[in-house]
Amino acid sequence: MNSVDNNSEQSDPQIAENGADKTNLDAKKVSDEEMDLNYKNKTEVAKGGILGLFIGLAVIVPGVSGSAVAIIFKMYEKLLYAIGNVFKKFKKCFKFLFPILIGVVAGFVFGFFGVRSLLNIIPFIIICLFAGLMFGAYPAVTDQIKGTKPKAKYILLFIIGLIIPILISCVSVFSNVSQHSLTNLKFYHYILFLIIGFLVAITQLVPGLSATALLMSFGYFTPLMNSVSITNFKENPSIFLVYLCLIVGFAIGLIVVSKGMNKLLNRYKIPAFYCIAGLSLGSIVTMFFNPEVMEIYSSWANGGLALDLSIGLAVLIVGIVISYLFVRFERKKESNK
């Protein structure tokens, strides 16, 4: 009896290892084949729009991850493929990306004019809502590594992923980075904006990284948010060159990073998703630890703590339930295929 148990214990790691290898080989096989980017129905088109909405919001709300939503919708690898091959297979990729692009524009506009306004009125409650939505959706990320043996190297990757967004948030909170002016800029500033645009693209394609936290770390989040006004456009027309540099850097970043992430997932899907799981969890933590929310905590000294916490907790739970139910719905639909 003991010998049977011992043999079983020895074979289990090998089975898990073979399973992980098979998953990676299957992913590689899929990459060699033509990726199906066609939307099957209007529901899938709507999902593309919602994905874009969250990508647009991710630039405004700290901790929101559009790519995590792509994982929930089973669209992450398609998104990477479409962006990375948009010039090579323009018609096919653009058709897939178009609903997402509409969502991105809608999300950014809604985030800038709607969510930012709500953040000024009920900031902690809005943060709790988005944190609940992201936390409830987290099982969709861990589903990607479900059934694999958590080796030491995988756990290390998870921890590294967890630390990265928290570290970026710590820099933005404790570094006392001054808010930089967007006037009287030198030539090297525009090069910096190209780099920042590139880095923002990384945050949109790697789940768990926050564009907002990144911009705060550079001291450009608030200046960029405040720069969008007719008065500023008239007084400082060079701001459009800043926007252009950010857009160009962002576009280059999307293409380069999407290709890199595609290759990474094709070769090392399981290790990559352990790191992504850590990044995603870390980003949820940072939603309650960033310069903007620290100002909220400071304001509680003047009252409002009990009300914010009670309503915030309720909204957090509602967000978790809604997104988790959606994850379960997607799981059920996937299992019925």
C-alpha atoms as a PDB file:
ATOM      1  CA  MET A   1       0.000   0.000   0.000  1.00  0.00           C
ATOM      2  CA  ASN A   2       2.814   2.390   0.927  1.00  0.00           C
ATOM      3  CA  SER A   3       4.703   1.625  -2.263  1.00  0.00           C
ATOM      4  CA  VAL A   4       1.630   2.478  -4.317  1.00  0.00           C
ATOM      5  CA  ASP A   5       1.237   5.781  -2.469  1.00  0.00           C
ATOM      6  CA  ASN A   6       4.909   6.599  -2.940  1.00  0.00           C
ATOM      7  CA  ASN A   7       4.735   5.889  -6.647  1.00  0.00           C
ATOM      8  CA  SER A   8       1.666   8.081  -6.869  1.00  0.00           C
ATOM      9  CA  GLU A   9       3.397  10.926  -5.039  1.00  0.00           C
ATOM     10  CA  GLN A  10       6.410  10.644  -7.330  1.00  0.00           C
ATOM     11  CA  SER A  11       4.337  10.628 -10.484  1.00  0.00           C
ATOM     12  CA  ASP A  12       2.078  13.565  -9.624  1.00  0.00           C
ATOM     13  CA  PRO A  13       4.741  16.251 -10.119  1.00  0.00           C
ATOM     14  CA  GLN A  14       5.681  14.670 -13.412  1.00  0.00           C
ATOM     15  CA  ILE A  15       2.043  14.687 -14.525  1.00  0.00           C
ATOM     16  CA  ALA A  16       1.686  18.327 -13.549  1.00  0.00           C
ATOM     17  CA  GLU A  17       4.919  19.163 -15.350  1.00  0.00           C
ATOM     18  CA  ASN A  18       3.794  17.334 -18.461  1.00  0.00           C
ATOM     19  CA  GLY A  19       0.451  19.121 -18.254  1.00  0.00           C
ATOM     20  CA  ALA A  20       2.153  22.513 -18.112  1.00  0.00           C
ATOM     21  CA  ASP A  21       4.436  21.566 -21.004  1.00  0.00           C
ATOM     22  CA  LYS A  22       1.440  20.394 -23.010  1.00  0.00           C
ATOM     23  CA  THR A  23      -0.318  23.704 -22.356  1.00  0.00           C
ATOM     24  CA  ASN A  24       2.710  25.611 -23.614  1.00  0.00           C
ATOM     25  CA  LEU A  25       2.968  23.399 -26.686  1.00  0.00           C
ATOM     26  CA  ASP A  26      -0.729  23.852 -27.386  1.00  0.00           C
ATOM     27  CA  ALA A  27      -0.320  27.619 -27.090  1.00  0.00           C
ATOM     28  CA  LYS A  28       2.617  27.491 -29.495  1.00  0.00           C
ATOM     29  CA  LYS A  29       0.535  25.442 -31.928  1.00  0.00           C
ATOM     30  CA  VAL A  30      -2.266  28.010 -31.797  1.00  0.00           C
ATOM     31  CA  SER A  31       0.214  30.803 -32.478  1.00  0.00           C
ATOM     32  CA  ASP A  32       1.420  29.027 -35.590  1.00  0.00           C
ATOM     33  CA  GLU A  33      -2.146  28.809 -36.868  1.00  0.00           C
ATOM     34  CA  GLU A  34      -4.338  31.661 -38.030  1.00  0.00           C
ATOM     35  CA  MET A  35      -5.934  33.468 -35.084  1.00  0.00           C
ATOM     36  CA  ASP A  36      -9.711  33.708 -35.428  1.00  0.00           C
ATOM     37  CA  LEU A  37     -10.591  37.364 -34.784  1.00  0.00           C
ATOM     38  CA  ASN A  38     -14.165  37.279 -36.046  1.00  0.00           C
ATOM     39  CA  TYR A  39     -16.940  38.332 -33.676  1.00  0.00           C
ATOM     40  CA  LYS A  40     -19.517  35.553 -33.632  1.00  0.00           C
ATOM     41  CA  ASN A  41     -22.464  37.722 -32.590  1.00  0.00           C
ATOM     42  CA  LYS A  42     -23.510  41.128 -31.274  1.00  0.00           C
ATOM     43  CA  THR A  43     -22.777  40.039 -27.708  1.00  0.00           C
ATOM     44  CA  GLU A  44     -19.108  39.528 -28.568  1.00  0.00           C
ATOM     45  CA  VAL A  45     -19.011  42.929 -30.284  1.00  0.00           C
ATOM     46  CA  ALA A  46     -20.462  44.446 -27.100  1.00  0.00           C
ATOM     47  CA  LYS A  47     -17.750  42.701 -25.084  1.00  0.00           C
ATOM     48  CA  GLY A  48     -15.157  44.342 -27.306  1.00  0.00           C
ATOM     49  CA  GLY A  49     -16.713  47.722 -26.581  1.00  0.00           C
ATOM     50  CA  ILE A  50     -16.789  47.059 -22.820  1.00  0.00           C
ATOM     51  CA  LEU A  51     -13.157  45.943 -22.943  1.00  0.00           C
ATOM     52  CA  GLY A  52     -12.242  49.208 -24.649  1.00  0.00           C
ATOM     53  CA  LEU A  53     -14.264  51.112 -22.047  1.00  0.00           C
ATOM     54  CA  PHE A  54     -12.142  49.682 -19.241  1.00  0.00           C
ATOM     55  CA  ILE A  55      -8.938  50.344 -21.185  1.00  0.00           C
ATOM     56  CA  GLY A  56      -9.986  53.983 -21.491  1.00  0.00           C
ATOM     57  CA  LEU A  57     -10.926  54.153 -17.805  1.00  0.00           C
ATOM     58  CA  ALA A  58      -7.582  52.621 -16.834  1.00  0.00           C
ATOM     59  CA  VAL A  59      -5.821  55.872 -17.773  1.00  0.00           C
ATOM     60  CA  ILE A  60      -8.062  57.777 -15.341  1.00  0.00           C
ATOM     61  CA  VAL A  61      -8.717  55.427 -12.397  1.00  0.00           C
ATOM     62  CA  PRO A  62      -5.691  54.011 -10.484  1.00  0.00           C
ATOM     63  CA  GLY A  63      -5.627  50.202 -10.401  1.00  0.00           C
ATOM     64  CA  VAL A  64      -8.164  49.553 -13.172  1.00  0.00           C
ATOM     65  CA  SER A  65      -6.747  47.063 -15.679  1.00  0.00           C
ATOM     66  CA  GLY A  66      -8.218  46.792 -19.166  1.00  0.00           C
ATOM     67  CA  SER A  67      -6.072  43.768 -19.971  1.00  0.00           C
ATOM     68  CA  ALA A  68      -7.460  41.950 -16.909  1.00  0.00           C
ATOM     69  CA  VAL A  69     -10.921  42.503 -18.404  1.00  0.00           C
ATOM     70  CA  ALA A  70      -9.596  41.070 -21.686  1.00  0.00           C
ATOM     71  CA  ILE A  71      -8.610  37.917 -19.794  1.00  0.00           C
ATOM     72  CA  ILE A  72     -12.104  37.658 -18.299  1.00  0.00           C
ATOM     73  CA  PHE A  73     -13.665  37.968 -21.758  1.00  0.00           C
ATOM     74  CA  LYS A  74     -11.205  35.428 -23.208  1.00  0.00           C
ATOM     75  CA  MET A  75      -9.961  38.143 -25.555  1.00  0.00           C
ATOM     76  CA  TYR A  76      -6.474  38.827 -24.182  1.00  0.00           C
ATOM     77  CA  GLU A  77      -4.434  36.790 -26.634  1.00  0.00           C
ATOM     78  CA  LYS A  78      -6.646  37.926 -29.519  1.00  0.00           C
ATOM     79  CA  LEU A  79      -6.065  41.533 -28.471  1.00  0.00           C
ATOM     80  CA  LEU A  80      -2.297  41.042 -28.408  1.00  0.00           C
ATOM     81  CA  TYR A  81      -2.367  39.301 -31.790  1.00  0.00           C
ATOM     82  CA  ALA A  82      -4.558  41.959 -33.422  1.00  0.00           C
ATOM     83  CA  ILE A  83      -2.429  44.885 -32.196  1.00  0.00           C
ATOM     84  CA  GLY A  84       0.835  43.155 -33.076  1.00  0.00           C
ATOM     85  CA  ASN A  85      -0.329  42.308 -36.613  1.00  0.00           C
ATOM     86  CA  VAL A  86      -2.415  45.405 -37.386  1.00  0.00           C
ATOM     87  CA  PHE A  87      -0.139  46.469 -40.259  1.00  0.00           C
ATOM     88  CA  LYS A  88       0.537  42.974 -41.526  1.00  0.00           C
ATOM     89  CA  LYS A  89      -3.158  41.985 -41.594  1.00  0.00           C
ATOM     90  CA  PHE A  90      -4.808  45.374 -41.388  1.00  0.00           C
ATOM     91  CA  LYS A  91      -8.375  44.589 -42.495  1.00  0.00           C
ATOM     92  CA  LYS A  92      -8.768  41.550 -40.286  1.00  0.00           C
ATOM     93  CA  CYS A  93      -7.136  43.096 -37.211  1.00  0.00           C
ATOM     94  CA  PHE A  94      -8.802  46.496 -37.550  1.00  0.00           C
ATOM     95  CA  LYS A  95     -12.231  44.848 -37.813  1.00  0.00           C
ATOM     96  CA  PHE A  96     -11.562  43.177 -34.470  1.00  0.00           C
ATOM     97  CA  LEU A  97     -10.074  46.297 -32.878  1.00  0.00           C
ATOM     98  CA  PHE A  98     -12.723  48.766 -34.073  1.00  0.00           C
ATOM     99  CA  PRO A  99     -15.342  48.091 -31.320  1.00  0.00           C
ATOM    100  CA  ILE A 100     -12.506  48.175 -28.764  1.00  0.00           C
ATOM    101  CA  LEU A 101     -11.275  51.530 -30.097  1.00  0.00           C
ATOM    102  CA  ILE A 102     -14.782  52.981 -29.815  1.00  0.00           C
ATOM    103  CA  GLY A 103     -14.892  51.713 -26.242  1.00  0.00           C
ATOM    104  CA  VAL A 104     -11.477  53.231 -25.477  1.00  0.00           C
ATOM    105  CA  VAL A 105     -12.627  56.677 -26.628  1.00  0.00           C
ATOM    106  CA  ALA A 106     -15.918  56.350 -24.724  1.00  0.00           C
ATOM    107  CA  GLY A 107     -14.103  55.109 -21.614  1.00  0.00           C
ATOM    108  CA  PHE A 108     -11.580  57.928 -21.657  1.00  0.00           C
ATOM    109  CA  VAL A 109     -14.235  60.606 -22.205  1.00  0.00           C
ATOM    110  CA  PHE A 110     -16.532  59.093 -19.575  1.00  0.00           C
ATOM    111  CA  GLY A 111     -13.597  58.663 -17.212  1.00  0.00           C
ATOM    112  CA  PHE A 112     -12.346  62.191 -17.731  1.00  0.00           C
ATOM    113  CA  PHE A 113     -15.654  64.031 -17.520  1.00  0.00           C
ATOM    114  CA  GLY A 114     -17.725  61.557 -15.475  1.00  0.00           C
ATOM    115  CA  VAL A 115     -15.598  59.419 -13.173  1.00  0.00           C
ATOM    116  CA  ARG A 116     -13.159  62.248 -12.402  1.00  0.00           C
ATOM    117  CA  SER A 117     -16.099  64.402 -11.318  1.00  0.00           C
ATOM    118  CA  LEU A 118     -17.463  61.602  -9.118  1.00  0.00           C
ATOM    119  CA  LEU A 119     -13.987  61.111  -7.664  1.00  0.00           C
ATOM    120  CA  ASN A 120     -14.106  64.737  -6.570  1.00  0.00           C
ATOM    121  CA  ILE A 121     -17.498  64.212  -4.891  1.00  0.00           C
ATOM    122  CA  ILE A 122     -17.446  60.639  -3.496  1.00  0.00           C
ATOM    123  CA  PRO A 123     -13.866  59.467  -4.153  1.00  0.00           C
ATOM    124  CA  PHE A 124     -13.582  56.579  -1.687  1.00  0.00           C
ATOM    125  CA  ILE A 125     -16.917  55.078  -2.744  1.00  0.00           C
ATOM    126  CA  ILE A 126     -15.973  55.161  -6.445  1.00  0.00           C
ATOM    127  CA  ILE A 127     -12.596  53.583  -5.666  1.00  0.00           C
ATOM    128  CA  CYS A 128     -14.352  50.832  -3.690  1.00  0.00           C
ATOM    129  CA  LEU A 129     -16.690  50.162  -6.623  1.00  0.00           C
ATOM    130  CA  PHE A 130     -13.860  49.672  -9.116  1.00  0.00           C
ATOM    131  CA  ALA A 131     -11.782  47.720  -6.580  1.00  0.00           C
ATOM    132  CA  GLY A 132     -14.743  45.388  -6.037  1.00  0.00           C
ATOM    133  CA  LEU A 133     -15.176  44.894  -9.780  1.00  0.00           C
ATOM    134  CA  MET A 134     -11.462  44.086 -10.221  1.00  0.00           C
ATOM    135  CA  PHE A 135     -11.295  41.810  -7.156  1.00  0.00           C
ATOM    136  CA  GLY A 136     -14.427  39.884  -8.108  1.00  0.00           C
ATOM    137  CA  ALA A 137     -12.926  39.304 -11.550  1.00  0.00           C
ATOM    138  CA  TYR A 138      -9.587  38.098 -10.150  1.00  0.00           C
ATOM    139  CA  PRO A 139     -10.538  34.377 -10.327  1.00  0.00           C
ATOM    140  CA  ALA A 140     -10.662  34.743 -14.123  1.00  0.00           C
ATOM    141  CA  VAL A 141      -6.935  35.505 -14.003  1.00  0.00           C
ATOM    142  CA  THR A 142      -6.102  32.614 -11.676  1.00  0.00           C
ATOM    143  CA  ASP A 143      -8.144  30.267 -13.900  1.00  0.00           C
ATOM    144  CA  GLN A 144      -5.260  30.516 -16.368  1.00  0.00           C
ATOM    145  CA  ILE A 145      -2.949  28.688 -13.926  1.00  0.00           C
ATOM    146  CA  LYS A 146      -5.542  26.440 -12.324  1.00  0.00           C
ATOM    147  CA  GLY A 147      -4.394  22.823 -12.027  1.00  0.00           C
ATOM    148  CA  THR A 148      -0.682  23.582 -12.388  1.00  0.00           C
ATOM    149  CA  LYS A 149       1.809  22.680  -9.692  1.00  0.00           C
ATOM    150  CA  PRO A 150       2.989  25.842  -7.870  1.00  0.00           C
ATOM    151  CA  LYS A 151       6.734  25.397  -8.199  1.00  0.00           C
ATOM    152  CA  ALA A 152       9.150  27.652  -6.328  1.00  0.00           C
ATOM    153  CA  LYS A 153       9.988  29.609  -9.488  1.00  0.00           C
ATOM    154  CA  TYR A 154       6.302  30.170 -10.198  1.00  0.00           C
ATOM    155  CA  ILE A 155       5.695  31.426  -6.661  1.00  0.00           C
ATOM    156  CA  LEU A 156       8.694  33.747  -7.037  1.00  0.00           C
ATOM    157  CA  LEU A 157       7.224  35.134 -10.266  1.00  0.00           C
ATOM    158  CA  PHE A 158       3.905  35.681  -8.486  1.00  0.00           C
ATOM    159  CA  ILE A 159       5.640  37.578  -5.659  1.00  0.00           C
ATOM    160  CA  ILE A 160       7.625  39.698  -8.117  1.00  0.00           C
ATOM    161  CA  GLY A 161       4.408  40.518  -9.960  1.00  0.00           C
ATOM    162  CA  LEU A 162       2.704  41.420  -6.684  1.00  0.00           C
ATOM    163  CA  ILE A 163       5.535  43.751  -5.633  1.00  0.00           C
ATOM    164  CA  ILE A 164       5.928  45.690  -8.907  1.00  0.00           C
ATOM    165  CA  PRO A 165       2.653  47.705  -8.856  1.00  0.00           C
ATOM    166  CA  ILE A 166       2.953  48.252  -5.092  1.00  0.00           C
ATOM    167  CA  LEU A 167       6.513  49.513  -5.577  1.00  0.00           C
ATOM    168  CA  ILE A 168       5.402  51.918  -8.323  1.00  0.00           C
ATOM    169  CA  SER A 169       2.633  53.153  -6.040  1.00  0.00           C
ATOM    170  CA  CYS A 170       5.106  53.622  -3.170  1.00  0.00           C
ATOM    171  CA  VAL A 171       7.270  55.759  -5.431  1.00  0.00           C
ATOM    172  CA  SER A 172       4.279  57.912  -6.370  1.00  0.00           C
ATOM    173  CA  VAL A 173       3.248  58.281  -2.693  1.00  0.00           C
ATOM    174  CA  PHE A 174       6.570  58.748  -0.896  1.00  0.00           C
ATOM    175  CA  SER A 175       8.896  60.287  -3.474  1.00  0.00           C
ATOM    176  CA  ASN A 176       7.267  63.729  -3.197  1.00  0.00           C
ATOM    177  CA  VAL A 177       7.586  64.147  -6.956  1.00  0.00           C
ATOM    178  CA  SER A 178       6.738  67.719  -7.862  1.00  0.00           C
ATOM    179  CA  GLN A 179       4.032  68.395 -10.436  1.00  0.00           C
ATOM    180  CA  HIS A 180       5.844  69.377 -13.614  1.00  0.00           C
ATOM    181  CA  SER A 181       4.805  72.273 -15.797  1.00  0.00           C
ATOM    182  CA  LEU A 182       3.757  71.662 -19.404  1.00  0.00           C
ATOM    183  CA  THR A 183       4.875  75.128 -20.521  1.00  0.00           C
ATOM    184  CA  ASN A 184       8.279  76.346 -21.724  1.00  0.00           C
ATOM    185  CA  LEU A 185       9.320  72.802 -22.574  1.00  0.00           C
ATOM    186  CA  LYS A 186      12.750  71.908 -23.952  1.00  0.00           C
ATOM    187  CA  PHE A 187      13.563  69.444 -26.721  1.00  0.00           C
ATOM    188  CA  TYR A 188      14.402  66.635 -24.290  1.00  0.00           C
ATOM    189  CA  HIS A 189      10.958  66.933 -22.680  1.00  0.00           C
ATOM    190  CA  TYR A 190       9.313  65.766 -25.890  1.00  0.00           C
ATOM    191  CA  ILE A 191      11.622  62.733 -25.977  1.00  0.00           C
ATOM    192  CA  LEU A 192      10.526  62.040 -22.396  1.00  0.00           C
ATOM    193  CA  PHE A 193       6.874  62.186 -23.458  1.00  0.00           C
ATOM    194  CA  LEU A 194       7.570  59.644 -26.206  1.00  0.00           C
ATOM    195  CA  ILE A 195       9.048  57.339 -23.550  1.00  0.00           C
ATOM    196  CA  ILE A 196       6.142  57.955 -21.178  1.00  0.00           C
ATOM    197  CA  GLY A 197       3.681  57.140 -23.962  1.00  0.00           C
ATOM    198  CA  PHE A 198       5.572  53.887 -24.581  1.00  0.00           C
ATOM    199  CA  LEU A 199       5.456  53.021 -20.860  1.00  0.00           C
ATOM    200  CA  VAL A 200       1.726  53.787 -20.683  1.00  0.00           C
ATOM    201  CA  ALA A 201       1.227  51.283 -23.528  1.00  0.00           C
ATOM    202  CA  ILE A 202       2.928  48.648 -21.374  1.00  0.00           C
ATOM    203  CA  THR A 203       0.448  49.329 -18.564  1.00  0.00           C
ATOM    204  CA  GLN A 204      -2.444  48.741 -20.957  1.00  0.00           C
ATOM    205  CA  LEU A 205      -1.178  45.373 -22.190  1.00  0.00           C
ATOM    206  CA  VAL A 206       0.309  43.929 -19.001  1.00  0.00           C
ATOM    207  CA  PRO A 207      -2.476  43.187 -16.489  1.00  0.00           C
ATOM    208  CA  GLY A 208      -1.994  44.812 -13.108  1.00  0.00           C
ATOM    209  CA  LEU A 209       0.037  47.834 -14.144  1.00  0.00           C
ATOM    210  CA  SER A 210      -1.582  51.251 -13.715  1.00  0.00           C
ATOM    211  CA  ALA A 211      -1.131  54.093 -16.179  1.00  0.00           C
ATOM    212  CA  THR A 212      -2.366  56.520 -13.527  1.00  0.00           C
ATOM    213  CA  ALA A 213       0.221  55.399 -10.961  1.00  0.00           C
ATOM    214  CA  LEU A 214       2.930  55.585 -13.612  1.00  0.00           C
ATOM    215  CA  LEU A 215       2.022  59.154 -14.604  1.00  0.00           C
ATOM    216  CA  MET A 216       1.849  60.133 -10.930  1.00  0.00           C
ATOM    217  CA  SER A 217       5.359  58.735 -10.411  1.00  0.00           C
ATOM    218  CA  PHE A 218       6.639  61.015 -13.179  1.00  0.00           C
ATOM    219  CA  GLY A 219       4.690  63.986 -11.817  1.00  0.00           C
ATOM    220  CA  TYR A 220       2.644  64.447 -14.983  1.00  0.00           C
ATOM    221  CA  PHE A 221      -0.772  62.968 -14.115  1.00  0.00           C
ATOM    222  CA  THR A 222      -2.388  66.085 -12.636  1.00  0.00           C
ATOM    223  CA  PRO A 223      -0.765  68.512 -15.145  1.00  0.00           C
ATOM    224  CA  LEU A 224      -2.022  66.399 -18.062  1.00  0.00           C
ATOM    225  CA  MET A 225      -5.520  66.114 -16.591  1.00  0.00           C
ATOM    226  CA  ASN A 226      -5.645  69.873 -15.988  1.00  0.00           C
ATOM    227  CA  SER A 227      -4.262  70.663 -19.442  1.00  0.00           C
ATOM    228  CA  VAL A 228      -7.484  69.695 -21.206  1.00  0.00           C
ATOM    229  CA  SER A 229      -9.278  73.036 -21.426  1.00  0.00           C
ATOM    230  CA  ILE A 230     -10.054  75.568 -24.144  1.00  0.00           C
ATOM    231  CA  THR A 231      -8.257  78.280 -22.173  1.00  0.00           C
ATOM    232  CA  ASN A 232      -5.094  76.222 -21.907  1.00  0.00           C
ATOM    233  CA  PHE A 233      -5.210  75.302 -25.597  1.00  0.00           C
ATOM    234  CA  LYS A 234      -5.229  79.008 -26.475  1.00  0.00           C
ATOM    235  CA  GLU A 235      -2.539  80.011 -24.000  1.00  0.00           C
ATOM    236  CA  ASN A 236      -0.287  76.994 -24.552  1.00  0.00           C
ATOM    237  CA  PRO A 237      -0.762  75.557 -28.080  1.00  0.00           C
ATOM    238  CA  SER A 238       2.474  73.568 -27.697  1.00  0.00           C
ATOM    239  CA  ILE A 239       0.455  71.187 -25.500  1.00  0.00           C
ATOM    240  CA  PHE A 240      -0.743  69.530 -28.717  1.00  0.00           C
ATOM    241  CA  LEU A 241       2.854  68.541 -29.438  1.00  0.00           C
ATOM    242  CA  VAL A 242       2.953  66.938 -25.987  1.00  0.00           C
ATOM    243  CA  TYR A 243      -0.211  64.988 -26.829  1.00  0.00           C
ATOM    244  CA  LEU A 244       1.265  63.985 -30.191  1.00  0.00           C
ATOM    245  CA  CYS A 245       4.438  62.647 -28.563  1.00  0.00           C
ATOM    246  CA  LEU A 246       2.407  60.688 -26.024  1.00  0.00           C
ATOM    247  CA  ILE A 247       0.206  59.213 -28.775  1.00  0.00           C
ATOM    248  CA  VAL A 248       3.165  58.266 -30.997  1.00  0.00           C
ATOM    249  CA  GLY A 249       5.014  56.679 -28.073  1.00  0.00           C
ATOM    250  CA  PHE A 250       1.830  54.900 -27.045  1.00  0.00           C
ATOM    251  CA  ALA A 251       1.207  53.535 -30.562  1.00  0.00           C
ATOM    252  CA  ILE A 252       4.795  52.281 -30.892  1.00  0.00           C
ATOM    253  CA  GLY A 253       4.568  50.744 -27.440  1.00  0.00           C
ATOM    254  CA  LEU A 254       1.324  48.925 -28.236  1.00  0.00           C
ATOM    255  CA  ILE A 255       2.799  47.249 -31.314  1.00  0.00           C
ATOM    256  CA  VAL A 256       6.176  46.370 -29.774  1.00  0.00           C
ATOM    257  CA  VAL A 257       4.798  45.180 -26.428  1.00  0.00           C
ATOM    258  CA  SER A 258       1.926  43.207 -27.974  1.00  0.00           C
ATOM    259  CA  LYS A 259       4.386  41.287 -30.136  1.00  0.00           C
ATOM    260  CA  GLY A 260       6.626  40.661 -27.138  1.00  0.00           C
ATOM    261  CA  MET A 261       3.725  39.532 -24.927  1.00  0.00           C
ATOM    262  CA  ASN A 262       2.456  37.271 -27.712  1.00  0.00           C
ATOM    263  CA  LYS A 263       5.818  35.505 -27.943  1.00  0.00           C
ATOM    264  CA  LEU A 264       6.082  35.318 -24.150  1.00  0.00           C
ATOM    265  CA  LEU A 265       2.673  33.688 -23.765  1.00  0.00           C
ATOM    266  CA  ASN A 266       3.350  31.283 -26.633  1.00  0.00           C
ATOM    267  CA  ARG A 267       6.605  30.107 -25.075  1.00  0.00           C
ATOM    268  CA  TYR A 268       6.029  30.499 -21.333  1.00  0.00           C
ATOM    269  CA  LYS A 269       2.294  30.790 -20.794  1.00  0.00           C
ATOM    270  CA  ILE A 270       2.132  29.238 -17.307  1.00  0.00           C
ATOM    271  CA  PRO A 271       5.049  31.206 -15.766  1.00  0.00           C
ATOM    272  CA  ALA A 272       3.774  34.399 -17.430  1.00  0.00           C
ATOM    273  CA  PHE A 273       0.320  34.003 -15.927  1.00  0.00           C
ATOM    274  CA  TYR A 274       1.759  33.393 -12.451  1.00  0.00           C
ATOM    275  CA  CYS A 275       3.445  36.779 -12.778  1.00  0.00           C
ATOM    276  CA  ILE A 276       0.266  38.314 -14.238  1.00  0.00           C
ATOM    277  CA  ALA A 277      -1.738  36.927 -11.298  1.00  0.00           C
ATOM    278  CA  GLY A 278       0.643  38.721  -8.934  1.00  0.00           C
ATOM    279  CA  LEU A 279       0.476  41.936 -10.936  1.00  0.00           C
ATOM    280  CA  SER A 280      -3.321  41.866 -10.969  1.00  0.00           C
ATOM    281  CA  LEU A 281      -3.561  41.343  -7.217  1.00  0.00           C
ATOM    282  CA  GLY A 282      -0.962  44.044  -6.600  1.00  0.00           C
ATOM    283  CA  SER A 283      -2.929  46.524  -8.715  1.00  0.00           C
ATOM    284  CA  ILE A 284      -6.024  45.982  -6.540  1.00  0.00           C
ATOM    285  CA  VAL A 285      -3.918  46.795  -3.470  1.00  0.00           C
ATOM    286  CA  THR A 286      -2.708  50.009  -5.097  1.00  0.00           C
ATOM    287  CA  MET A 287      -6.276  51.195  -5.590  1.00  0.00           C
ATOM    288  CA  PHE A 288      -6.238  51.835  -1.840  1.00  0.00           C
ATOM    289  CA  PHE A 289      -2.657  53.086  -1.778  1.00  0.00           C
ATOM    290  CA  ASN A 290      -1.833  55.937  -4.139  1.00  0.00           C
ATOM    291  CA  PRO A 291      -1.441  59.730  -3.851  1.00  0.00           C
ATOM    292  CA  GLU A 292      -5.106  60.450  -4.563  1.00  0.00           C
ATOM    293  CA  VAL A 293      -6.503  58.011  -2.009  1.00  0.00           C
ATOM    294  CA  MET A 294      -3.928  59.144   0.569  1.00  0.00           C
ATOM    295  CA  GLU A 295      -5.500  62.600   0.339  1.00  0.00           C
ATOM    296  CA  ILE A 296      -8.858  61.000   1.131  1.00  0.00           C
ATOM    297  CA  TYR A 297      -7.419  59.334   4.227  1.00  0.00           C
ATOM    298  CA  SER A 298      -6.037  62.698   5.362  1.00  0.00           C
ATOM    299  CA  SER A 299      -9.443  64.343   4.903  1.00  0.00           C
ATOM    300  CA  TRP A 300     -11.022  61.831   7.302  1.00  0.00           C
ATOM    301  CA  ALA A 301      -9.408  63.751  10.157  1.00  0.00           C
ATOM    302  CA  ASN A 302     -12.133  66.352   9.566  1.00  0.00           C
ATOM    303  CA  GLY A 303     -14.945  63.765   9.617  1.00  0.00           C
ATOM    304  CA  GLY A 304     -16.660  61.440   7.158  1.00  0.00           C
ATOM    305  CA  LEU A 305     -14.706  58.283   8.055  1.00  0.00           C
ATOM    306  CA  ALA A 306     -17.703  56.209   9.252  1.00  0.00           C
ATOM    307  CA  LEU A 307     -19.922  57.186   6.314  1.00  0.00           C
ATOM    308  CA  ASP A 308     -17.219  56.557   3.698  1.00  0.00           C
ATOM    309  CA  LEU A 309     -16.263  53.181   5.181  1.00  0.00           C
ATOM    310  CA  SER A 310     -19.842  51.925   5.552  1.00  0.00           C
ATOM    311  CA  ILE A 311     -20.977  52.934   2.057  1.00  0.00           C
ATOM    312  CA  GLY A 312     -17.608  52.019   0.555  1.00  0.00           C
ATOM    313  CA  LEU A 313     -17.711  48.517   2.047  1.00  0.00           C
ATOM    314  CA  ALA A 314     -21.250  47.970   0.734  1.00  0.00           C
ATOM    315  CA  VAL A 315     -20.286  49.155  -2.749  1.00  0.00           C
ATOM    316  CA  LEU A 316     -17.107  47.023  -2.643  1.00  0.00           C
ATOM    317  CA  ILE A 317     -19.170  43.901  -1.919  1.00  0.00           C
ATOM    318  CA  VAL A 318     -21.667  44.758  -4.672  1.00  0.00           C
ATOM    319  CA  GLY A 319     -18.786  45.177  -7.149  1.00  0.00           C
ATOM    320  CA  ILE A 320     -17.244  41.852  -6.118  1.00  0.00           C
ATOM    321  CA  VAL A 321     -20.556  39.983  -6.452  1.00  0.00           C
ATOM    322  CA  ILE A 322     -21.406  41.487  -9.846  1.00  0.00           C
ATOM    323  CA  SER A 323     -18.040  40.757 -11.450  1.00  0.00           C
ATOM    324  CA  TYR A 324     -17.701  37.301  -9.867  1.00  0.00           C
ATOM    325  CA  LEU A 325     -21.134  36.301 -11.124  1.00  0.00           C
ATOM    326  CA  PHE A 326     -20.038  37.390 -14.580  1.00  0.00           C
ATOM    327  CA  VAL A 327     -16.859  35.286 -14.260  1.00  0.00           C
ATOM    328  CA  ARG A 328     -18.970  32.273 -13.298  1.00  0.00           C
ATOM    329  CA  PHE A 329     -21.269  32.925 -16.256  1.00  0.00           C
ATOM    330  CA  GLU A 330     -18.266  32.993 -18.601  1.00  0.00           C
ATOM    331  CA  ARG A 331     -16.915  29.781 -17.057  1.00  0.00           C
ATOM    332  CA  LYS A 332     -20.237  28.030 -17.561  1.00  0.00           C
ATOM    333  CA  LYS A 333     -20.502  29.202 -21.130  1.00  0.00           C
ATOM    334  CA  GLU A 334     -16.941  28.038 -21.819  1.00  0.00           C
ATOM    335  CA  SER A 335     -17.606  24.597 -20.325  1.00  0.00           C
ATOM    336  CA  ASN A 336     -20.713  24.157 -22.496  1.00  0.00           C
ATOM    337  CA  LYS A 337     -18.787  24.645 -25.726  1.00  0.00           C
END
